[in-house]
C-alpha atoms as a PDB file:
ATOM      1  CA  UNK A   1     -57.468   5.735 -40.317  1.00  0.00           C
ATOM      2  CA  UNK A   2     -60.589   3.646 -40.543  1.00  0.00           C
ATOM      3  CA  UNK A   3     -63.896   4.882 -41.979  1.00  0.00           C
ATOM      4  CA  UNK A   4     -65.314   4.854 -38.449  1.00  0.00           C
ATOM      5  CA  UNK A   5     -62.547   7.091 -37.094  1.00  0.00           C
ATOM      6  CA  UNK A   6     -62.850   9.476 -40.073  1.00  0.00           C
ATOM      7  CA  UNK A   7     -66.619   9.640 -39.621  1.00  0.00           C
ATOM      8  CA  UNK A   8     -66.280  10.436 -35.922  1.00  0.00           C
ATOM      9  CA  UNK A   9     -63.653  13.113 -36.509  1.00  0.00           C
ATOM     10  CA  UNK A  10     -64.811  14.750 -39.764  1.00  0.00           C
ATOM     11  CA  UNK A  11     -68.508  13.832 -40.187  1.00  0.00           C
ATOM     12  CA  UNK A  12     -70.114  14.509 -36.825  1.00  0.00           C
ATOM     13  CA  UNK A  13     -73.878  14.240 -36.548  1.00  0.00           C
ATOM     14  CA  UNK A  14     -75.634  17.553 -36.746  1.00  0.00           C
ATOM     15  CA  UNK A  15     -78.880  19.262 -37.647  1.00  0.00           C
ATOM     16  CA  UNK A  16     -78.797  17.991 -41.264  1.00  0.00           C
ATOM     17  CA  UNK A  17     -78.562  14.347 -42.400  1.00  0.00           C
ATOM     18  CA  UNK A  18     -78.947  12.759 -45.840  1.00  0.00           C
ATOM     19  CA  UNK A  19     -81.561   9.993 -46.105  1.00  0.00           C
ATOM     20  CA  UNK A  20     -81.461   9.511 -49.872  1.00  0.00           C
ATOM     21  CA  UNK A  21     -80.211  11.142 -53.054  1.00  0.00           C
ATOM     22  CA  UNK A  22     -81.350  10.612 -56.626  1.00  0.00           C
ATOM     23  CA  UNK A  23     -79.695  12.360 -59.590  1.00  0.00           C
ATOM     24  CA  UNK A  24     -81.051  12.328 -63.162  1.00  0.00           C
ATOM     25  CA  UNK A  25     -79.412  13.953 -66.194  1.00  0.00           C
ATOM     26  CA  UNK A  26     -81.196  16.848 -67.890  1.00  0.00           C
ATOM     27  CA  UNK A  27     -79.875  18.911 -70.811  1.00  0.00           C
ATOM     28  CA  UNK A  28     -76.168  19.637 -71.151  1.00  0.00           C
ATOM     29  CA  UNK A  29     -74.360  19.451 -67.818  1.00  0.00           C
ATOM     30  CA  UNK A  30     -77.549  20.055 -65.842  1.00  0.00           C
ATOM     31  CA  UNK A  31     -78.924  17.393 -63.516  1.00  0.00           C
ATOM     32  CA  UNK A  32     -82.140  17.089 -61.530  1.00  0.00           C
ATOM     33  CA  UNK A  33     -81.274  16.281 -57.925  1.00  0.00           C
ATOM     34  CA  UNK A  34     -83.864  14.997 -55.460  1.00  0.00           C
ATOM     35  CA  UNK A  35     -82.812  14.526 -51.853  1.00  0.00           C
ATOM     36  CA  UNK A  36     -84.469  13.338 -48.699  1.00  0.00           C
ATOM     37  CA  UNK A  37     -82.973  15.053 -45.683  1.00  0.00           C
ATOM     38  CA  UNK A  38     -83.526  15.070 -41.961  1.00  0.00           C
ATOM     39  CA  UNK A  39     -83.403  18.669 -40.726  1.00  0.00           C
ATOM     40  CA  UNK A  40     -83.654  19.180 -36.978  1.00  0.00           C
ATOM     41  CA  UNK A  41     -85.114  15.654 -36.702  1.00  0.00           C
ATOM     42  CA  UNK A  42     -87.839  16.359 -39.317  1.00  0.00           C
ATOM     43  CA  UNK A  43     -87.928  14.655 -42.744  1.00  0.00           C
ATOM     44  CA  UNK A  44     -87.720  17.090 -45.664  1.00  0.00           C
ATOM     45  CA  UNK A  45     -87.758  16.329 -49.402  1.00  0.00           C
ATOM     46  CA  UNK A  46     -86.089  18.866 -51.708  1.00  0.00           C
ATOM     47  CA  UNK A  47     -85.190  19.034 -55.381  1.00  0.00           C
ATOM     48  CA  UNK A  48     -83.397  21.353 -57.771  1.00  0.00           C
ATOM     49  CA  UNK A  49     -81.722  21.490 -61.164  1.00  0.00           C
ATOM     50  CA  UNK A  50     -78.112  22.626 -61.348  1.00  0.00           C
ATOM     51  CA  UNK A  51     -74.846  22.003 -63.193  1.00  0.00           C
ATOM     52  CA  UNK A  52     -73.798  18.669 -61.654  1.00  0.00           C
ATOM     53  CA  UNK A  53     -74.759  16.879 -58.470  1.00  0.00           C
ATOM     54  CA  UNK A  54     -72.270  18.822 -56.341  1.00  0.00           C
ATOM     55  CA  UNK A  55     -73.680  22.109 -57.639  1.00  0.00           C
ATOM     56  CA  UNK A  56     -77.207  20.901 -56.884  1.00  0.00           C
ATOM     57  CA  UNK A  57     -76.374  19.871 -53.325  1.00  0.00           C
ATOM     58  CA  UNK A  58     -74.571  23.183 -52.766  1.00  0.00           C
ATOM     59  CA  UNK A  59     -77.610  25.073 -54.042  1.00  0.00           C
ATOM     60  CA  UNK A  60     -79.936  23.151 -51.727  1.00  0.00           C
ATOM     61  CA  UNK A  61     -77.709  23.817 -48.707  1.00  0.00           C
ATOM     62  CA  UNK A  62     -77.488  27.536 -49.538  1.00  0.00           C
ATOM     63  CA  UNK A  63     -81.291  27.574 -49.801  1.00  0.00           C
ATOM     64  CA  UNK A  64     -81.441  26.196 -46.264  1.00  0.00           C
ATOM     65  CA  UNK A  65     -79.054  28.895 -45.032  1.00  0.00           C
ATOM     66  CA  UNK A  66     -76.323  26.290 -44.522  1.00  0.00           C
ATOM     67  CA  UNK A  67     -74.183  26.768 -47.628  1.00  0.00           C
ATOM     68  CA  UNK A  68     -70.426  26.248 -47.574  1.00  0.00           C
ATOM     69  CA  UNK A  69     -67.682  26.955 -50.094  1.00  0.00           C
ATOM     70  CA  UNK A  70     -65.568  23.995 -51.219  1.00  0.00           C
ATOM     71  CA  UNK A  71     -61.897  24.982 -50.994  1.00  0.00           C
ATOM     72  CA  UNK A  72     -60.528  21.566 -51.973  1.00  0.00           C
ATOM     73  CA  UNK A  73     -61.977  18.186 -52.912  1.00  0.00           C
ATOM     74  CA  UNK A  74     -60.430  14.729 -53.125  1.00  0.00           C
ATOM     75  CA  UNK A  75     -61.996  11.312 -53.809  1.00  0.00           C
ATOM     76  CA  UNK A  76     -60.480   7.951 -52.881  1.00  0.00           C
ATOM     77  CA  UNK A  77     -61.594   4.385 -53.559  1.00  0.00           C
ATOM     78  CA  UNK A  78     -62.394   2.637 -50.292  1.00  0.00           C
ATOM     79  CA  UNK A  79     -63.288  -0.946 -51.209  1.00  0.00           C
ATOM     80  CA  UNK A  80     -66.852  -0.928 -52.548  1.00  0.00           C
ATOM     81  CA  UNK A  81     -67.197   2.730 -51.510  1.00  0.00           C
ATOM     82  CA  UNK A  82     -65.898   6.132 -52.525  1.00  0.00           C
ATOM     83  CA  UNK A  83     -64.586   8.447 -49.820  1.00  0.00           C
ATOM     84  CA  UNK A  84     -64.828  12.220 -50.293  1.00  0.00           C
ATOM     85  CA  UNK A  85     -62.558  14.580 -48.382  1.00  0.00           C
ATOM     86  CA  UNK A  86     -63.454  18.276 -48.487  1.00  0.00           C
ATOM     87  CA  UNK A  87     -61.889  21.414 -47.101  1.00  0.00           C
ATOM     88  CA  UNK A  88     -64.741  23.917 -46.747  1.00  0.00           C
ATOM     89  CA  UNK A  89     -65.191  27.525 -45.682  1.00  0.00           C
ATOM     90  CA  UNK A  90     -68.070  29.639 -44.357  1.00  0.00           C
ATOM     91  CA  UNK A  91     -67.888  33.127 -42.872  1.00  0.00           C
ATOM     92  CA  UNK A  92     -64.095  32.957 -42.455  1.00  0.00           C
ATOM     93  CA  UNK A  93     -64.190  29.578 -40.673  1.00  0.00           C
ATOM     94  CA  UNK A  94     -62.851  26.386 -42.270  1.00  0.00           C
ATOM     95  CA  UNK A  95     -63.136  22.675 -41.618  1.00  0.00           C
ATOM     96  CA  UNK A  96     -62.292  19.280 -43.041  1.00  0.00           C
ATOM     97  CA  UNK A  97     -65.294  17.143 -43.894  1.00  0.00           C
ATOM     98  CA  UNK A  98     -65.681  13.476 -44.829  1.00  0.00           C
ATOM     99  CA  UNK A  99     -68.354  11.519 -46.670  1.00  0.00           C
ATOM    100  CA  UNK A 100     -68.527   7.903 -47.811  1.00  0.00           C
ATOM    101  CA  UNK A 101     -70.981   6.251 -50.215  1.00  0.00           C
ATOM    102  CA  UNK A 102     -71.240   3.989 -53.255  1.00  0.00           C
ATOM    103  CA  UNK A 103     -70.872   6.942 -55.665  1.00  0.00           C
ATOM    104  CA  UNK A 104     -68.614   9.970 -55.706  1.00  0.00           C
ATOM    105  CA  UNK A 105     -71.617  12.302 -55.976  1.00  0.00           C
ATOM    106  CA  UNK A 106     -73.288  10.911 -52.865  1.00  0.00           C
ATOM    107  CA  UNK A 107     -69.998  10.778 -50.939  1.00  0.00           C
ATOM    108  CA  UNK A 108     -69.413  14.441 -51.790  1.00  0.00           C
ATOM    109  CA  UNK A 109     -73.003  15.338 -50.809  1.00  0.00           C
ATOM    110  CA  UNK A 110     -72.484  13.623 -47.458  1.00  0.00           C
ATOM    111  CA  UNK A 111     -69.213  15.533 -46.957  1.00  0.00           C
ATOM    112  CA  UNK A 112     -70.922  18.833 -47.876  1.00  0.00           C
ATOM    113  CA  UNK A 113     -73.604  18.141 -45.281  1.00  0.00           C
ATOM    114  CA  UNK A 114     -70.904  17.327 -42.742  1.00  0.00           C
ATOM    115  CA  UNK A 115     -69.210  20.649 -43.468  1.00  0.00           C
ATOM    116  CA  UNK A 116     -72.533  22.496 -43.181  1.00  0.00           C
ATOM    117  CA  UNK A 117     -73.137  20.831 -39.813  1.00  0.00           C
ATOM    118  CA  UNK A 118     -69.686  21.863 -38.604  1.00  0.00           C
ATOM    119  CA  UNK A 119     -69.780  25.452 -39.879  1.00  0.00           C
ATOM    120  CA  UNK A 120     -73.434  26.443 -39.425  1.00  0.00           C
ATOM    121  CA  UNK A 121     -74.673  27.278 -35.957  1.00  0.00           C
ATOM    122  CA  UNK A 122     -78.319  26.647 -36.901  1.00  0.00           C
ATOM    123  CA  UNK A 123     -80.050  25.750 -40.150  1.00  0.00           C
ATOM    124  CA  UNK A 124     -81.521  28.941 -41.538  1.00  0.00           C
ATOM    125  CA  UNK A 125     -78.713  31.164 -40.179  1.00  0.00           C
END
C-alpha cells in the first residue's frame, strides 16, 4: 500500500489536525511538548510535560476529551519518513490509525490524532 492509500484509509481528516510539534528534553525521561493543532478549524497552541513525546501527546488529547488507549504500536522506515501504525481503543471501540513524519515521535502523534478523530464523536466528549 502507498502512503496515500494508508492515509485515506487509516488517517481520515477530522476535527483535530497537527500543525507543528516541538519536543525538548527536561529532567529524566520527561519532555516538554509544544504542539500547534487545528481543532474544529480553529488554531490552538498547547503544551505539557510528560514522560516521553507519546505520553505528552496522549495527555494533551485526554485534556481535550479525545484521549485514546494505544493497544499496539509499530514503526517502519518509509524512505526519508517514519510510518507509525497504531491499534487504539476508546469506550470499547477500536481502530487502526496511521501517521507519517520525519521522526517516530511526530509520526506517532499524527497516528494518535487520527485515532482520536476516528473514535471521538466530538472534541470535548
